[in-house]
């Protein structure tokens, strides 16, 4: 999850990708 936040903060993934990946991680 921290890695995902870092990638999002660095602009490597957009908000839609961040939200969908976060949902996958949280179930």
C-alpha atoms as a PDB file:
ATOM      1  CA  UNK A   1       0.000   0.000   0.000  1.00  0.00           C
ATOM      2  CA  UNK A   2       2.843   2.422   0.832  1.00  0.00           C
ATOM      3  CA  UNK A   3       4.455   1.646  -2.534  1.00  0.00           C
ATOM      4  CA  UNK A   4       1.162   2.427  -4.247  1.00  0.00           C
ATOM      5  CA  UNK A   5       0.942   5.769  -2.432  1.00  0.00           C
ATOM      6  CA  UNK A   6       4.528   6.618  -3.426  1.00  0.00           C
ATOM      7  CA  UNK A   7       3.862   5.808  -7.080  1.00  0.00           C
ATOM      8  CA  UNK A   8       0.721   7.950  -6.971  1.00  0.00           C
ATOM      9  CA  UNK A   9       2.603  10.803  -5.304  1.00  0.00           C
ATOM     10  CA  UNK A  10       5.299  10.641  -7.978  1.00  0.00           C
ATOM     11  CA  UNK A  11       2.670  10.789 -10.716  1.00  0.00           C
ATOM     12  CA  UNK A  12       3.444   7.294 -12.044  1.00  0.00           C
ATOM     13  CA  UNK A  13      -0.223   6.334 -11.855  1.00  0.00           C
ATOM     14  CA  UNK A  14      -3.316   8.498 -12.202  1.00  0.00           C
ATOM     15  CA  UNK A  15      -6.141   8.847  -9.697  1.00  0.00           C
ATOM     16  CA  UNK A  16      -8.377   6.290 -11.440  1.00  0.00           C
ATOM     17  CA  UNK A  17      -5.605   3.688 -11.382  1.00  0.00           C
ATOM     18  CA  UNK A  18      -4.803   4.530  -7.768  1.00  0.00           C
ATOM     19  CA  UNK A  19      -8.440   4.147  -6.686  1.00  0.00           C
ATOM     20  CA  UNK A  20      -8.933   0.862  -8.552  1.00  0.00           C
ATOM     21  CA  UNK A  21      -5.682  -0.627  -7.217  1.00  0.00           C
ATOM     22  CA  UNK A  22      -6.544   0.503  -3.698  1.00  0.00           C
ATOM     23  CA  UNK A  23      -9.954  -1.184  -3.976  1.00  0.00           C
ATOM     24  CA  UNK A  24      -8.238  -4.381  -5.136  1.00  0.00           C
ATOM     25  CA  UNK A  25      -5.887  -4.291  -2.150  1.00  0.00           C
ATOM     26  CA  UNK A  26      -8.649  -3.573   0.345  1.00  0.00           C
ATOM     27  CA  UNK A  27     -10.950  -6.178  -1.181  1.00  0.00           C
END
